[in-house]
């Protein structure tokens, strides 16, 4: 019998790619989304597939979630208010969507329903960037966004049948694009503006392609029995880079890109870390899509996007 996966936030940056990958892998998919970013064009192309279904609803609505969970064998819980800026603009909304919805899901699901949940590497807080963060590194989130995500992860890992993935900064094209993500933003600035004013140039980040994230969801679903109960860092071990390194990696593809360094900003999450994904590799999954592949993909995609439609923050 085909397993059905409920994907909350199915129209989001991660969700719209994850739904496509799940269907291609033979799963039946129910996407749930409240359409907060408008109509569902990101999933229109999946509607001809009989294994795909869509529910318009809110993850904080108990009746909606109870109904959606009835037919689900597993849940990929992606619904969230994402990013420090978005959470700070409406803290009550951020807490209710990022944490209270996870409490509700955890209350309603059966112990047989696996939950795969993405946390954020910004939960590691203000590290020096000199030593690798592993899953044993203490979580010390600074922003409300980081705190809500880490609280939700802790709740799930204290319950049975849950896998959490601490995502590096994601990059790559998606039907629901985000330009606030660092690689996506730098490439956009290179081709649309021709220049970038860069602050905290030595701060380091780890990166991962959106389709590697979707593939890792598949891996976690297939290996939930052995992976559950633990968090896993998900990033490219070859892409622990400073912001300056990233800017010059983009410049290799866009030689006229002008990069100016200036002390004119501050990251609210104080993100400055390098991350090891060794635990995930030992569990059988390794991200494979390179940063250069992602930059080439973004350059191609941005030729199709003449305006700043998808800028979030």
Foldseek 3Di string as FASTA:
>chain_A
DAAEEEEEVLQAQLNLLLCVVCVVVRHQYEYEYQCPVHDRPSCPVVVVPPSYHYDHDALLDLVSLLVVQPRHQEYEYDWAQDDQVSCVVPVVRRLCGLAVSLVSNLVRHDLRYAYEYEAAPLQLFQDPQPDADFLPRDGDWQGSNNVSRVNSVVVQLVGHRYEYEHEWQEFADGSQDECVGLLNVLLCCCPPVLEDEDEPQQFWTFYAYSNLVSVVVVLCVVVSVPRGSGYFYAGALVRGGGNNVSNVLLCVVRVSRYYHYDNDDDRSSNHGHHHDRVVVVVSPGHGDQDSNNRSVRSVVVVVVPPDPSNYDD
